[in-house]
């Protein structure tokens, strides 16, 4: 079929055609659509020109479907139904701000943010999306804003630091050396096997730059595997304090690292698209971190 025939019709024409078919009258269709009768006649004539056949014939009391019109009507209804679904999707998408995270959202601030946001921004739903990727679903189109604790590609994404979190060490709660310790130091971790997530985690050998480094690393693919390995006593790990709040796990203890570098918490978004509500989200999260 020629390209111009495929493209030379519009949803407006289908809506006018369906309205006239339903009402059985161009005049009543015009009333339903809040347009003039002439507009209905002209628009349906344009559709008939594209189709190449009459769809409605005028009768003394209005109009009725031709044989071709009867064939097209159910298909026109289907197309309009799908168009309405797409419109609903676009509308709801703007009413939802999807915030992605890979490991932990905002730790102890997560629930407070959700409560505050629901009260202060009732027209925009805040939806948390967990996705184990370096951009927490941002690059994949699954989130509008991402909570990240590693730098992002500045050529593709914008980001802002909204807070700092303490670095904790995680270990098996029955660890014979550390179970009664209230805090530890980075140098003590260097004597252990360290479990890391190289894709999204905040731990790498660079943390021990200029000092003895752990001799062995175990790689995990996500936070659940990371916790399972640590609970089994196969290694220890370091992480942001949000992980302890977001993923408490029986068998895993968390302690602060007195000399561990703090971890910047960033909100990131696509460089070419600043989602509605971003400024308010940045302000809200920043206030939560500033309040302690």
C-alpha atoms as a PDB file:
ATOM      1  CA  UNK A   1       0.000   0.000   0.000  1.00  0.00           C
ATOM      2  CA  UNK A   2       1.433   3.471  -0.872  1.00  0.00           C
ATOM      3  CA  UNK A   3       2.994   5.357   2.015  1.00  0.00           C
ATOM      4  CA  UNK A   4       0.763   8.411   1.632  1.00  0.00           C
ATOM      5  CA  UNK A   5      -2.371   6.258   1.900  1.00  0.00           C
ATOM      6  CA  UNK A   6      -1.131   4.624   5.083  1.00  0.00           C
ATOM      7  CA  UNK A   7      -0.393   7.957   6.716  1.00  0.00           C
ATOM      8  CA  UNK A   8      -3.123  10.175   5.303  1.00  0.00           C
ATOM      9  CA  UNK A   9      -5.726   9.672   8.007  1.00  0.00           C
ATOM     10  CA  UNK A  10      -5.982  11.021  11.519  1.00  0.00           C
ATOM     11  CA  UNK A  11      -7.492  10.110  14.872  1.00  0.00           C
ATOM     12  CA  UNK A  12      -9.692  13.181  14.503  1.00  0.00           C
ATOM     13  CA  UNK A  13     -11.216  11.721  11.327  1.00  0.00           C
ATOM     14  CA  UNK A  14     -11.843   8.384  13.023  1.00  0.00           C
ATOM     15  CA  UNK A  15     -13.477  10.071  16.018  1.00  0.00           C
ATOM     16  CA  UNK A  16     -15.788  12.073  13.782  1.00  0.00           C
ATOM     17  CA  UNK A  17     -16.681   8.982  11.741  1.00  0.00           C
ATOM     18  CA  UNK A  18     -17.458   6.907  14.847  1.00  0.00           C
ATOM     19  CA  UNK A  19     -19.500   9.737  16.390  1.00  0.00           C
ATOM     20  CA  UNK A  20     -21.605  10.100  13.237  1.00  0.00           C
ATOM     21  CA  UNK A  21     -22.105   6.342  13.020  1.00  0.00           C
ATOM     22  CA  UNK A  22     -23.150   6.166  16.682  1.00  0.00           C
ATOM     23  CA  UNK A  23     -25.492   9.132  16.524  1.00  0.00           C
ATOM     24  CA  UNK A  24     -26.902   8.367  13.086  1.00  0.00           C
ATOM     25  CA  UNK A  25     -26.743  12.061  12.307  1.00  0.00           C
ATOM     26  CA  UNK A  26     -24.076  14.597  11.344  1.00  0.00           C
ATOM     27  CA  UNK A  27     -25.922  17.203  13.389  1.00  0.00           C
ATOM     28  CA  UNK A  28     -26.019  15.080  16.544  1.00  0.00           C
ATOM     29  CA  UNK A  29     -22.383  14.101  16.033  1.00  0.00           C
ATOM     30  CA  UNK A  30     -21.463  17.793  15.848  1.00  0.00           C
ATOM     31  CA  UNK A  31     -23.291  18.415  19.133  1.00  0.00           C
ATOM     32  CA  UNK A  32     -21.468  15.510  20.784  1.00  0.00           C
ATOM     33  CA  UNK A  33     -18.091  16.722  19.512  1.00  0.00           C
ATOM     34  CA  UNK A  34     -18.727  20.445  20.197  1.00  0.00           C
ATOM     35  CA  UNK A  35     -18.012  21.415  16.582  1.00  0.00           C
ATOM     36  CA  UNK A  36     -20.094  22.590  13.657  1.00  0.00           C
ATOM     37  CA  UNK A  37     -21.996  20.272  11.342  1.00  0.00           C
ATOM     38  CA  UNK A  38     -19.870  21.552   8.487  1.00  0.00           C
ATOM     39  CA  UNK A  39     -16.721  20.459  10.335  1.00  0.00           C
ATOM     40  CA  UNK A  40     -18.127  16.951  10.749  1.00  0.00           C
ATOM     41  CA  UNK A  41     -19.078  16.723   7.062  1.00  0.00           C
ATOM     42  CA  UNK A  42     -15.704  18.079   5.918  1.00  0.00           C
ATOM     43  CA  UNK A  43     -13.678  15.800   8.210  1.00  0.00           C
ATOM     44  CA  UNK A  44     -15.561  12.627   7.266  1.00  0.00           C
ATOM     45  CA  UNK A  45     -15.282  13.566   3.596  1.00  0.00           C
ATOM     46  CA  UNK A  46     -11.507  13.712   4.056  1.00  0.00           C
ATOM     47  CA  UNK A  47     -11.491  10.204   5.533  1.00  0.00           C
ATOM     48  CA  UNK A  48     -13.668   8.920   2.684  1.00  0.00           C
ATOM     49  CA  UNK A  49     -11.243  10.417   0.186  1.00  0.00           C
ATOM     50  CA  UNK A  50      -8.387   8.507   1.825  1.00  0.00           C
ATOM     51  CA  UNK A  51     -10.355   5.260   1.908  1.00  0.00           C
ATOM     52  CA  UNK A  52     -11.573   5.777  -1.661  1.00  0.00           C
ATOM     53  CA  UNK A  53     -15.171   4.867  -0.830  1.00  0.00           C
ATOM     54  CA  UNK A  54     -18.203   6.316   0.904  1.00  0.00           C
ATOM     55  CA  UNK A  55     -18.524   5.358   4.550  1.00  0.00           C
ATOM     56  CA  UNK A  56     -21.798   7.095   5.399  1.00  0.00           C
ATOM     57  CA  UNK A  57     -24.751   7.895   3.194  1.00  0.00           C
ATOM     58  CA  UNK A  58     -27.218  10.634   4.002  1.00  0.00           C
ATOM     59  CA  UNK A  59     -30.823   9.578   4.578  1.00  0.00           C
ATOM     60  CA  UNK A  60     -33.884  11.695   5.385  1.00  0.00           C
ATOM     61  CA  UNK A  61     -33.436  11.302   9.140  1.00  0.00           C
ATOM     62  CA  UNK A  62     -29.643  11.558   9.259  1.00  0.00           C
ATOM     63  CA  UNK A  63     -27.018   9.120   7.978  1.00  0.00           C
ATOM     64  CA  UNK A  64     -26.323   5.413   7.859  1.00  0.00           C
ATOM     65  CA  UNK A  65     -23.298   3.222   7.323  1.00  0.00           C
ATOM     66  CA  UNK A  66     -22.440   1.913   3.883  1.00  0.00           C
ATOM     67  CA  UNK A  67     -21.076  -1.614   3.466  1.00  0.00           C
ATOM     68  CA  UNK A  68     -17.528  -0.241   3.635  1.00  0.00           C
ATOM     69  CA  UNK A  69     -18.439   1.856   6.664  1.00  0.00           C
ATOM     70  CA  UNK A  70     -19.693  -1.222   8.495  1.00  0.00           C
ATOM     71  CA  UNK A  71     -16.380  -2.949   7.790  1.00  0.00           C
ATOM     72  CA  UNK A  72     -14.310  -0.002   9.009  1.00  0.00           C
ATOM     73  CA  UNK A  73     -16.311   0.876  12.122  1.00  0.00           C
ATOM     74  CA  UNK A  74     -15.048  -1.898  14.462  1.00  0.00           C
ATOM     75  CA  UNK A  75     -11.455  -1.274  13.364  1.00  0.00           C
ATOM     76  CA  UNK A  76     -11.881   2.454  13.930  1.00  0.00           C
ATOM     77  CA  UNK A  77     -13.181   1.753  17.438  1.00  0.00           C
ATOM     78  CA  UNK A  78     -10.181  -0.483  18.147  1.00  0.00           C
ATOM     79  CA  UNK A  79      -7.688   2.156  16.993  1.00  0.00           C
ATOM     80  CA  UNK A  80      -9.385   4.842  19.078  1.00  0.00           C
ATOM     81  CA  UNK A  81      -9.399   2.564  22.123  1.00  0.00           C
ATOM     82  CA  UNK A  82      -5.652   1.994  21.769  1.00  0.00           C
ATOM     83  CA  UNK A  83      -5.110   5.728  21.300  1.00  0.00           C
ATOM     84  CA  UNK A  84      -7.031   6.428  24.502  1.00  0.00           C
ATOM     85  CA  UNK A  85      -4.872   3.892  26.355  1.00  0.00           C
ATOM     86  CA  UNK A  86      -1.757   5.634  25.069  1.00  0.00           C
ATOM     87  CA  UNK A  87      -3.117   8.990  26.203  1.00  0.00           C
ATOM     88  CA  UNK A  88      -3.832   7.532  29.637  1.00  0.00           C
ATOM     89  CA  UNK A  89      -0.275   6.193  29.762  1.00  0.00           C
ATOM     90  CA  UNK A  90       1.208   9.584  28.909  1.00  0.00           C
ATOM     91  CA  UNK A  91      -0.983  11.298  31.490  1.00  0.00           C
ATOM     92  CA  UNK A  92      -0.187   8.826  34.256  1.00  0.00           C
ATOM     93  CA  UNK A  93       3.509   8.881  33.381  1.00  0.00           C
ATOM     94  CA  UNK A  94       3.665  12.596  34.075  1.00  0.00           C
ATOM     95  CA  UNK A  95       1.836  11.998  37.351  1.00  0.00           C
ATOM     96  CA  UNK A  96       4.464   9.503  38.522  1.00  0.00           C
ATOM     97  CA  UNK A  97       8.055  10.337  39.387  1.00  0.00           C
ATOM     98  CA  UNK A  98      10.017   7.079  39.207  1.00  0.00           C
ATOM     99  CA  UNK A  99      13.053   7.094  41.481  1.00  0.00           C
ATOM    100  CA  UNK A 100      15.474   4.246  40.850  1.00  0.00           C
ATOM    101  CA  UNK A 101      18.049   2.692  43.152  1.00  0.00           C
ATOM    102  CA  UNK A 102      20.364  -0.295  42.786  1.00  0.00           C
ATOM    103  CA  UNK A 103      21.095  -1.331  46.385  1.00  0.00           C
ATOM    104  CA  UNK A 104      19.498   0.974  48.907  1.00  0.00           C
ATOM    105  CA  UNK A 105      17.269   3.991  48.396  1.00  0.00           C
ATOM    106  CA  UNK A 106      17.853   6.652  51.049  1.00  0.00           C
ATOM    107  CA  UNK A 107      18.193   4.401  54.065  1.00  0.00           C
ATOM    108  CA  UNK A 108      16.430   5.742  57.130  1.00  0.00           C
ATOM    109  CA  UNK A 109      15.266   8.761  55.130  1.00  0.00           C
ATOM    110  CA  UNK A 110      13.315   6.675  52.597  1.00  0.00           C
ATOM    111  CA  UNK A 111      10.050   6.345  54.497  1.00  0.00           C
ATOM    112  CA  UNK A 112      10.102   9.982  55.606  1.00  0.00           C
ATOM    113  CA  UNK A 113      10.600  11.162  52.026  1.00  0.00           C
ATOM    114  CA  UNK A 114       7.628   9.090  50.864  1.00  0.00           C
ATOM    115  CA  UNK A 115       5.377  10.443  53.629  1.00  0.00           C
ATOM    116  CA  UNK A 116       6.447  14.051  53.099  1.00  0.00           C
ATOM    117  CA  UNK A 117       6.111  13.792  49.336  1.00  0.00           C
ATOM    118  CA  UNK A 118       2.608  12.289  49.470  1.00  0.00           C
ATOM    119  CA  UNK A 119       1.492  15.137  51.718  1.00  0.00           C
ATOM    120  CA  UNK A 120       3.213  17.984  49.854  1.00  0.00           C
ATOM    121  CA  UNK A 121       2.787  16.759  46.251  1.00  0.00           C
ATOM    122  CA  UNK A 122      -0.512  14.849  46.082  1.00  0.00           C
ATOM    123  CA  UNK A 123      -0.739  15.145  42.284  1.00  0.00           C
ATOM    124  CA  UNK A 124       2.598  13.429  41.634  1.00  0.00           C
ATOM    125  CA  UNK A 125       3.145   9.915  42.914  1.00  0.00           C
ATOM    126  CA  UNK A 126       6.663   9.020  44.012  1.00  0.00           C
ATOM    127  CA  UNK A 127       7.476   5.479  42.911  1.00  0.00           C
ATOM    128  CA  UNK A 128      10.641   3.680  44.028  1.00  0.00           C
ATOM    129  CA  UNK A 129      12.145   1.362  41.418  1.00  0.00           C
ATOM    130  CA  UNK A 130      14.891  -1.127  42.287  1.00  0.00           C
ATOM    131  CA  UNK A 131      17.111  -2.004  39.327  1.00  0.00           C
ATOM    132  CA  UNK A 132      20.594  -3.440  39.618  1.00  0.00           C
ATOM    133  CA  UNK A 133      22.466  -1.340  37.081  1.00  0.00           C
ATOM    134  CA  UNK A 134      25.108   1.401  37.443  1.00  0.00           C
ATOM    135  CA  UNK A 135      22.444   4.044  36.777  1.00  0.00           C
ATOM    136  CA  UNK A 136      19.662   2.317  38.760  1.00  0.00           C
ATOM    137  CA  UNK A 137      17.434   1.978  35.707  1.00  0.00           C
ATOM    138  CA  UNK A 138      18.048   5.464  34.334  1.00  0.00           C
ATOM    139  CA  UNK A 139      19.898   4.355  31.194  1.00  0.00           C
ATOM    140  CA  UNK A 140      17.308   1.639  30.634  1.00  0.00           C
ATOM    141  CA  UNK A 141      14.386   4.078  30.802  1.00  0.00           C
ATOM    142  CA  UNK A 142      12.995   2.429  33.934  1.00  0.00           C
ATOM    143  CA  UNK A 143      13.488   5.435  36.200  1.00  0.00           C
ATOM    144  CA  UNK A 144      13.233   9.205  35.810  1.00  0.00           C
ATOM    145  CA  UNK A 145      15.706   9.998  38.578  1.00  0.00           C
ATOM    146  CA  UNK A 146      18.295   7.648  40.060  1.00  0.00           C
ATOM    147  CA  UNK A 147      19.823   7.451  43.525  1.00  0.00           C
ATOM    148  CA  UNK A 148      23.469   6.600  42.928  1.00  0.00           C
ATOM    149  CA  UNK A 149      26.557   6.458  45.112  1.00  0.00           C
ATOM    150  CA  UNK A 150      29.093   6.415  42.305  1.00  0.00           C
ATOM    151  CA  UNK A 151      29.848   9.099  39.708  1.00  0.00           C
ATOM    152  CA  UNK A 152      27.802   8.895  36.501  1.00  0.00           C
ATOM    153  CA  UNK A 153      28.789   9.583  32.904  1.00  0.00           C
ATOM    154  CA  UNK A 154      28.634  13.385  32.696  1.00  0.00           C
ATOM    155  CA  UNK A 155      28.169  13.240  28.924  1.00  0.00           C
ATOM    156  CA  UNK A 156      24.844  11.450  29.359  1.00  0.00           C
ATOM    157  CA  UNK A 157      23.605  12.398  32.812  1.00  0.00           C
ATOM    158  CA  UNK A 158      23.384  15.340  35.171  1.00  0.00           C
ATOM    159  CA  UNK A 159      23.687  14.771  38.895  1.00  0.00           C
ATOM    160  CA  UNK A 160      23.818  16.592  42.201  1.00  0.00           C
ATOM    161  CA  UNK A 161      25.112  15.484  45.593  1.00  0.00           C
ATOM    162  CA  UNK A 162      22.232  15.594  48.084  1.00  0.00           C
ATOM    163  CA  UNK A 163      23.951  14.127  51.130  1.00  0.00           C
ATOM    164  CA  UNK A 164      26.816  12.153  52.619  1.00  0.00           C
ATOM    165  CA  UNK A 165      26.588   8.794  54.358  1.00  0.00           C
ATOM    166  CA  UNK A 166      28.922   7.003  56.726  1.00  0.00           C
ATOM    167  CA  UNK A 167      30.730   3.938  55.437  1.00  0.00           C
ATOM    168  CA  UNK A 168      29.998   0.792  57.391  1.00  0.00           C
ATOM    169  CA  UNK A 169      31.607  -2.630  57.515  1.00  0.00           C
ATOM    170  CA  UNK A 170      29.356  -5.681  57.260  1.00  0.00           C
ATOM    171  CA  UNK A 171      30.372  -9.046  58.683  1.00  0.00           C
ATOM    172  CA  UNK A 172      28.873 -12.269  60.031  1.00  0.00           C
ATOM    173  CA  UNK A 173      27.237 -11.493  63.364  1.00  0.00           C
ATOM    174  CA  UNK A 174      28.983 -14.435  65.029  1.00  0.00           C
ATOM    175  CA  UNK A 175      32.440 -13.326  63.867  1.00  0.00           C
ATOM    176  CA  UNK A 176      34.765 -14.334  66.743  1.00  0.00           C
ATOM    177  CA  UNK A 177      36.993 -11.246  66.413  1.00  0.00           C
ATOM    178  CA  UNK A 178      34.541  -8.499  65.539  1.00  0.00           C
ATOM    179  CA  UNK A 179      31.171  -9.444  67.016  1.00  0.00           C
ATOM    180  CA  UNK A 180      31.714  -7.314  70.158  1.00  0.00           C
ATOM    181  CA  UNK A 181      33.400  -4.399  68.419  1.00  0.00           C
ATOM    182  CA  UNK A 182      31.575  -1.070  68.232  1.00  0.00           C
ATOM    183  CA  UNK A 183      33.628   0.222  65.315  1.00  0.00           C
ATOM    184  CA  UNK A 184      36.506  -0.843  63.074  1.00  0.00           C
ATOM    185  CA  UNK A 185      39.174   0.650  60.851  1.00  0.00           C
ATOM    186  CA  UNK A 186      39.895   0.215  57.144  1.00  0.00           C
ATOM    187  CA  UNK A 187      43.228  -1.431  57.854  1.00  0.00           C
ATOM    188  CA  UNK A 188      41.519  -4.251  59.741  1.00  0.00           C
ATOM    189  CA  UNK A 189      39.396  -5.063  56.694  1.00  0.00           C
ATOM    190  CA  UNK A 190      42.547  -5.488  54.594  1.00  0.00           C
ATOM    191  CA  UNK A 191      43.256  -8.700  56.505  1.00  0.00           C
ATOM    192  CA  UNK A 192      39.961 -10.227  55.326  1.00  0.00           C
ATOM    193  CA  UNK A 193      38.363 -11.452  52.130  1.00  0.00           C
ATOM    194  CA  UNK A 194      36.182  -8.592  50.879  1.00  0.00           C
ATOM    195  CA  UNK A 195      32.886  -9.109  49.044  1.00  0.00           C
ATOM    196  CA  UNK A 196      32.193  -6.476  46.368  1.00  0.00           C
ATOM    197  CA  UNK A 197      29.687  -5.671  43.644  1.00  0.00           C
ATOM    198  CA  UNK A 198      31.908  -4.229  40.880  1.00  0.00           C
ATOM    199  CA  UNK A 199      28.952  -2.929  38.847  1.00  0.00           C
ATOM    200  CA  UNK A 200      27.122  -0.778  41.377  1.00  0.00           C
ATOM    201  CA  UNK A 201      28.932  -1.099  44.711  1.00  0.00           C
ATOM    202  CA  UNK A 202      31.086   1.552  46.383  1.00  0.00           C
ATOM    203  CA  UNK A 203      33.938  -0.735  47.408  1.00  0.00           C
ATOM    204  CA  UNK A 204      37.087  -1.300  45.353  1.00  0.00           C
ATOM    205  CA  UNK A 205      40.806  -1.683  45.961  1.00  0.00           C
ATOM    206  CA  UNK A 206      41.157   2.095  45.522  1.00  0.00           C
ATOM    207  CA  UNK A 207      39.807   2.540  49.068  1.00  0.00           C
ATOM    208  CA  UNK A 208      43.104   1.214  50.369  1.00  0.00           C
ATOM    209  CA  UNK A 209      45.299   3.373  48.140  1.00  0.00           C
ATOM    210  CA  UNK A 210      48.671   3.902  49.806  1.00  0.00           C
ATOM    211  CA  UNK A 211      48.064   1.235  52.451  1.00  0.00           C
ATOM    212  CA  UNK A 212      47.885  -2.576  52.524  1.00  0.00           C
ATOM    213  CA  UNK A 213      45.013  -3.862  50.389  1.00  0.00           C
ATOM    214  CA  UNK A 214      42.856  -6.945  50.859  1.00  0.00           C
ATOM    215  CA  UNK A 215      44.517  -9.941  49.258  1.00  0.00           C
ATOM    216  CA  UNK A 216      41.258 -11.441  47.980  1.00  0.00           C
ATOM    217  CA  UNK A 217      37.948 -10.159  46.660  1.00  0.00           C
ATOM    218  CA  UNK A 218      34.730 -12.081  46.013  1.00  0.00           C
ATOM    219  CA  UNK A 219      32.411 -10.561  43.412  1.00  0.00           C
ATOM    220  CA  UNK A 220      28.642 -10.570  43.881  1.00  0.00           C
ATOM    221  CA  UNK A 221      25.949  -9.600  41.420  1.00  0.00           C
ATOM    222  CA  UNK A 222      23.485  -7.866  43.738  1.00  0.00           C
ATOM    223  CA  UNK A 223      22.869  -6.868  47.330  1.00  0.00           C
ATOM    224  CA  UNK A 224      21.074 -10.098  48.250  1.00  0.00           C
ATOM    225  CA  UNK A 225      23.998 -12.250  47.108  1.00  0.00           C
ATOM    226  CA  UNK A 226      26.393  -9.872  48.871  1.00  0.00           C
ATOM    227  CA  UNK A 227      24.521 -10.308  52.156  1.00  0.00           C
ATOM    228  CA  UNK A 228      24.249 -14.077  51.750  1.00  0.00           C
ATOM    229  CA  UNK A 229      28.013 -14.458  51.269  1.00  0.00           C
ATOM    230  CA  UNK A 230      28.740 -12.275  54.294  1.00  0.00           C
ATOM    231  CA  UNK A 231      26.195 -14.055  56.494  1.00  0.00           C
ATOM    232  CA  UNK A 232      27.871 -17.340  55.598  1.00  0.00           C
ATOM    233  CA  UNK A 233      31.182 -16.009  56.909  1.00  0.00           C
ATOM    234  CA  UNK A 234      32.931 -16.211  53.533  1.00  0.00           C
ATOM    235  CA  UNK A 235      33.925 -12.550  53.567  1.00  0.00           C
ATOM    236  CA  UNK A 236      33.187  -9.046  54.811  1.00  0.00           C
ATOM    237  CA  UNK A 237      32.126  -5.909  52.991  1.00  0.00           C
ATOM    238  CA  UNK A 238      31.919  -2.148  53.208  1.00  0.00           C
ATOM    239  CA  UNK A 239      28.838  -0.204  52.232  1.00  0.00           C
ATOM    240  CA  UNK A 240      26.855   2.969  52.736  1.00  0.00           C
ATOM    241  CA  UNK A 241      24.867   3.195  55.966  1.00  0.00           C
ATOM    242  CA  UNK A 242      21.656   3.167  53.888  1.00  0.00           C
ATOM    243  CA  UNK A 243      22.227  -0.537  53.202  1.00  0.00           C
ATOM    244  CA  UNK A 244      21.957  -1.368  56.911  1.00  0.00           C
ATOM    245  CA  UNK A 245      18.586   0.392  57.112  1.00  0.00           C
ATOM    246  CA  UNK A 246      17.230  -0.871  53.813  1.00  0.00           C
ATOM    247  CA  UNK A 247      18.440  -4.463  54.037  1.00  0.00           C
ATOM    248  CA  UNK A 248      18.700  -5.623  57.672  1.00  0.00           C
ATOM    249  CA  UNK A 249      19.634  -9.294  57.513  1.00  0.00           C
ATOM    250  CA  UNK A 250      19.734 -11.877  60.307  1.00  0.00           C
ATOM    251  CA  UNK A 251      23.301 -13.114  60.611  1.00  0.00           C
ATOM    252  CA  UNK A 252      24.847  -9.874  59.310  1.00  0.00           C
ATOM    253  CA  UNK A 253      26.189  -7.147  61.611  1.00  0.00           C
ATOM    254  CA  UNK A 254      27.023  -3.595  60.575  1.00  0.00           C
ATOM    255  CA  UNK A 255      29.550  -1.322  62.329  1.00  0.00           C
ATOM    256  CA  UNK A 256      30.892   2.133  61.447  1.00  0.00           C
ATOM    257  CA  UNK A 257      34.385   2.526  60.007  1.00  0.00           C
ATOM    258  CA  UNK A 258      36.075   5.311  61.937  1.00  0.00           C
ATOM    259  CA  UNK A 259      38.446   6.157  59.088  1.00  0.00           C
ATOM    260  CA  UNK A 260      36.241   5.106  56.181  1.00  0.00           C
ATOM    261  CA  UNK A 261      35.624   7.864  53.616  1.00  0.00           C
ATOM    262  CA  UNK A 262      32.046   9.107  53.551  1.00  0.00           C
ATOM    263  CA  UNK A 263      29.958   8.185  50.560  1.00  0.00           C
ATOM    264  CA  UNK A 264      28.318  10.922  48.447  1.00  0.00           C
ATOM    265  CA  UNK A 265      24.659  10.301  47.663  1.00  0.00           C
ATOM    266  CA  UNK A 266      23.682  11.663  44.268  1.00  0.00           C
ATOM    267  CA  UNK A 267      20.457  12.155  42.388  1.00  0.00           C
ATOM    268  CA  UNK A 268      21.037  11.689  38.655  1.00  0.00           C
ATOM    269  CA  UNK A 269      18.838  12.251  35.615  1.00  0.00           C
ATOM    270  CA  UNK A 270      19.114  12.178  31.841  1.00  0.00           C
ATOM    271  CA  UNK A 271      21.073  15.121  30.484  1.00  0.00           C
ATOM    272  CA  UNK A 272      18.392  15.778  27.832  1.00  0.00           C
ATOM    273  CA  UNK A 273      15.367  15.362  30.073  1.00  0.00           C
ATOM    274  CA  UNK A 274      14.695  17.060  33.386  1.00  0.00           C
ATOM    275  CA  UNK A 275      11.634  15.262  34.781  1.00  0.00           C
ATOM    276  CA  UNK A 276       8.785  17.237  36.369  1.00  0.00           C
ATOM    277  CA  UNK A 277       9.221  17.426  40.130  1.00  0.00           C
ATOM    278  CA  UNK A 278      13.015  17.072  40.004  1.00  0.00           C
ATOM    279  CA  UNK A 279      13.746  20.354  41.752  1.00  0.00           C
ATOM    280  CA  UNK A 280      11.293  19.570  44.529  1.00  0.00           C
ATOM    281  CA  UNK A 281      12.795  16.095  44.922  1.00  0.00           C
ATOM    282  CA  UNK A 282      16.338  17.446  45.177  1.00  0.00           C
ATOM    283  CA  UNK A 283      15.238  19.992  47.785  1.00  0.00           C
ATOM    284  CA  UNK A 284      13.331  17.399  49.815  1.00  0.00           C
ATOM    285  CA  UNK A 285      16.151  14.851  49.894  1.00  0.00           C
ATOM    286  CA  UNK A 286      18.769  17.486  50.670  1.00  0.00           C
ATOM    287  CA  UNK A 287      16.731  18.744  53.645  1.00  0.00           C
ATOM    288  CA  UNK A 288      16.425  15.202  55.000  1.00  0.00           C
ATOM    289  CA  UNK A 289      20.180  14.651  54.918  1.00  0.00           C
ATOM    290  CA  UNK A 290      20.865  18.082  56.397  1.00  0.00           C
ATOM    291  CA  UNK A 291      18.474  17.384  59.264  1.00  0.00           C
ATOM    292  CA  UNK A 292      20.633  14.425  60.295  1.00  0.00           C
END
